[in-house]
Amino acid sequence: MTRRRRLEDGMDHVDLKVITDIANTGWSDMCIFPTENDPPGSLPFNYTVGLTEFNHPDLIIVGLANTQAHGVMHAAIDHGSKEKGRRYGPDTFAD
């Protein structure tokens, strides 16, 4: 399938990254940056896609740089992995 065909199907490089990430690791994360149209002081945020397949809620992190947020997500997912027997839920806090 060519890139042109994928775009015609409504998929772009971001869609393909998410699909590939989930196929490889079971989850993906996205970073949304403020634009010039957003109110002054708007913060970037990252969120996960796919953790519900592991019976975990997806995560959202607001106000950190993309690389920092991604690192925090990796640490939280590793800390709460099935192999370690932990599960995060609403209002769950971890060190």
C-alpha atoms as a PDB file:
ATOM      1  CA  MET A   1       0.000   0.000   0.000  1.00  0.00           C
ATOM      2  CA  THR A   2       1.405   3.381  -0.923  1.00  0.00           C
ATOM      3  CA  ARG A   3       1.465   6.487   1.230  1.00  0.00           C
ATOM      4  CA  ARG A   4      -1.035   8.061  -1.147  1.00  0.00           C
ATOM      5  CA  ARG A   5      -3.451   5.164  -0.669  1.00  0.00           C
ATOM      6  CA  ARG A   6      -3.131   5.389   3.131  1.00  0.00           C
ATOM      7  CA  LEU A   7      -3.949   9.081   3.029  1.00  0.00           C
ATOM      8  CA  GLU A   8      -6.970   8.340   0.866  1.00  0.00           C
ATOM      9  CA  ASP A   9      -8.091   5.869   3.531  1.00  0.00           C
ATOM     10  CA  GLY A  10      -7.966   8.705   6.070  1.00  0.00           C
ATOM     11  CA  MET A  11      -4.717   7.597   7.699  1.00  0.00           C
ATOM     12  CA  ASP A  12      -1.638   9.744   8.043  1.00  0.00           C
ATOM     13  CA  HIS A  13       1.839   9.263   9.533  1.00  0.00           C
ATOM     14  CA  VAL A  14       0.502   9.866  13.064  1.00  0.00           C
ATOM     15  CA  ASP A  15      -2.149   7.156  12.670  1.00  0.00           C
ATOM     16  CA  LEU A  16       0.476   4.758  11.358  1.00  0.00           C
ATOM     17  CA  LYS A  17       2.831   5.542  14.278  1.00  0.00           C
ATOM     18  CA  VAL A  18       0.100   4.794  16.818  1.00  0.00           C
ATOM     19  CA  ILE A  19      -0.854   1.544  15.080  1.00  0.00           C
ATOM     20  CA  THR A  20       2.800   0.484  14.848  1.00  0.00           C
ATOM     21  CA  ASP A  21       3.541   1.415  18.478  1.00  0.00           C
ATOM     22  CA  ILE A  22       0.540  -0.530  19.748  1.00  0.00           C
ATOM     23  CA  ALA A  23       1.452  -3.549  17.604  1.00  0.00           C
ATOM     24  CA  ASN A  24       5.026  -3.491  18.960  1.00  0.00           C
ATOM     25  CA  THR A  25       4.555  -2.527  22.629  1.00  0.00           C
ATOM     26  CA  GLY A  26       0.827  -2.546  23.347  1.00  0.00           C
ATOM     27  CA  TRP A  27       0.591   1.227  23.794  1.00  0.00           C
ATOM     28  CA  SER A  28       1.511   4.566  22.255  1.00  0.00           C
ATOM     29  CA  ASP A  29       1.740   8.124  23.512  1.00  0.00           C
ATOM     30  CA  MET A  30       0.812  11.381  21.887  1.00  0.00           C
ATOM     31  CA  CYS A  31       2.009  14.905  22.662  1.00  0.00           C
ATOM     32  CA  ILE A  32      -0.184  17.918  22.008  1.00  0.00           C
ATOM     33  CA  PHE A  33       1.581  21.269  21.913  1.00  0.00           C
ATOM     34  CA  PRO A  34      -0.158  24.616  22.340  1.00  0.00           C
ATOM     35  CA  THR A  35      -0.551  26.672  19.171  1.00  0.00           C
ATOM     36  CA  GLU A  36      -0.690  30.393  18.611  1.00  0.00           C
ATOM     37  CA  ASN A  37      -4.500  30.070  18.656  1.00  0.00           C
ATOM     38  CA  ASP A  38      -4.561  28.710  22.221  1.00  0.00           C
ATOM     39  CA  PRO A  39      -4.946  31.025  25.212  1.00  0.00           C
ATOM     40  CA  PRO A  40      -1.712  32.426  26.685  1.00  0.00           C
ATOM     41  CA  GLY A  41      -0.199  30.072  29.256  1.00  0.00           C
ATOM     42  CA  SER A  42      -1.615  26.924  27.642  1.00  0.00           C
ATOM     43  CA  LEU A  43       0.454  23.867  28.517  1.00  0.00           C
ATOM     44  CA  PRO A  44       1.506  20.882  26.414  1.00  0.00           C
ATOM     45  CA  PHE A  45       0.085  17.511  27.377  1.00  0.00           C
ATOM     46  CA  ASN A  46       0.841  13.883  26.642  1.00  0.00           C
ATOM     47  CA  TYR A  47      -1.565  10.985  26.755  1.00  0.00           C
ATOM     48  CA  THR A  48      -1.388   7.250  26.198  1.00  0.00           C
ATOM     49  CA  VAL A  49      -3.428   5.106  23.855  1.00  0.00           C
ATOM     50  CA  GLY A  50      -3.820   1.367  24.364  1.00  0.00           C
ATOM     51  CA  LEU A  51      -3.297   0.762  28.078  1.00  0.00           C
ATOM     52  CA  THR A  52      -6.917  -0.257  28.513  1.00  0.00           C
ATOM     53  CA  GLU A  53      -5.996  -3.509  26.746  1.00  0.00           C
ATOM     54  CA  PHE A  54      -3.861  -4.244  29.833  1.00  0.00           C
ATOM     55  CA  ASN A  55      -6.807  -3.390  32.094  1.00  0.00           C
ATOM     56  CA  HIS A  56      -5.154  -0.086  33.033  1.00  0.00           C
ATOM     57  CA  PRO A  57      -6.577   3.373  32.466  1.00  0.00           C
ATOM     58  CA  ASP A  58      -4.772   5.489  29.908  1.00  0.00           C
ATOM     59  CA  LEU A  59      -2.555   8.213  31.345  1.00  0.00           C
ATOM     60  CA  ILE A  60      -2.403  11.966  30.785  1.00  0.00           C
ATOM     61  CA  ILE A  61       0.446  14.241  31.846  1.00  0.00           C
ATOM     62  CA  VAL A  62       0.128  18.017  31.607  1.00  0.00           C
ATOM     63  CA  GLY A  63       2.839  20.655  31.657  1.00  0.00           C
ATOM     64  CA  LEU A  64       6.029  18.629  31.118  1.00  0.00           C
ATOM     65  CA  ALA A  65       8.289  18.656  28.101  1.00  0.00           C
ATOM     66  CA  ASN A  66       7.565  15.799  25.703  1.00  0.00           C
ATOM     67  CA  THR A  67      10.707  13.820  26.622  1.00  0.00           C
ATOM     68  CA  GLN A  68      10.047  14.200  30.354  1.00  0.00           C
ATOM     69  CA  ALA A  69       6.400  13.185  30.020  1.00  0.00           C
ATOM     70  CA  HIS A  70       7.353  10.178  27.893  1.00  0.00           C
ATOM     71  CA  GLY A  71       9.885   9.095  30.549  1.00  0.00           C
ATOM     72  CA  VAL A  72       7.311   9.436  33.326  1.00  0.00           C
ATOM     73  CA  MET A  73       4.842   7.364  31.298  1.00  0.00           C
ATOM     74  CA  HIS A  74       7.426   4.626  30.720  1.00  0.00           C
ATOM     75  CA  ALA A  75       8.259   4.549  34.433  1.00  0.00           C
ATOM     76  CA  ALA A  76       4.586   4.441  35.443  1.00  0.00           C
ATOM     77  CA  ILE A  77       3.789   1.695  32.958  1.00  0.00           C
ATOM     78  CA  ASP A  78       6.817  -0.332  34.067  1.00  0.00           C
ATOM     79  CA  HIS A  79       5.963   0.248  37.746  1.00  0.00           C
ATOM     80  CA  GLY A  80       2.367  -0.810  37.205  1.00  0.00           C
ATOM     81  CA  SER A  81       3.012  -3.681  34.809  1.00  0.00           C
ATOM     82  CA  LYS A  82       1.169  -6.969  35.130  1.00  0.00           C
ATOM     83  CA  GLU A  83       4.454  -8.739  35.822  1.00  0.00           C
ATOM     84  CA  LYS A  84       4.857  -6.667  38.975  1.00  0.00           C
ATOM     85  CA  GLY A  85       1.275  -7.298  40.052  1.00  0.00           C
ATOM     86  CA  ARG A  86       0.245  -3.639  40.323  1.00  0.00           C
ATOM     87  CA  ARG A  87      -2.782  -2.026  38.786  1.00  0.00           C
ATOM     88  CA  TYR A  88      -3.504   1.682  38.542  1.00  0.00           C
ATOM     89  CA  GLY A  89      -7.047   2.906  38.789  1.00  0.00           C
ATOM     90  CA  PRO A  90      -8.812   6.205  39.315  1.00  0.00           C
ATOM     91  CA  ASP A  91      -7.265   8.224  42.148  1.00  0.00           C
ATOM     92  CA  THR A  92      -4.243   5.896  42.375  1.00  0.00           C
ATOM     93  CA  PHE A  93      -1.002   7.595  43.360  1.00  0.00           C
ATOM     94  CA  ALA A  94       2.502   6.137  43.166  1.00  0.00           C
ATOM     95  CA  ASP A  95       5.992   7.320  44.115  1.00  0.00           C
END
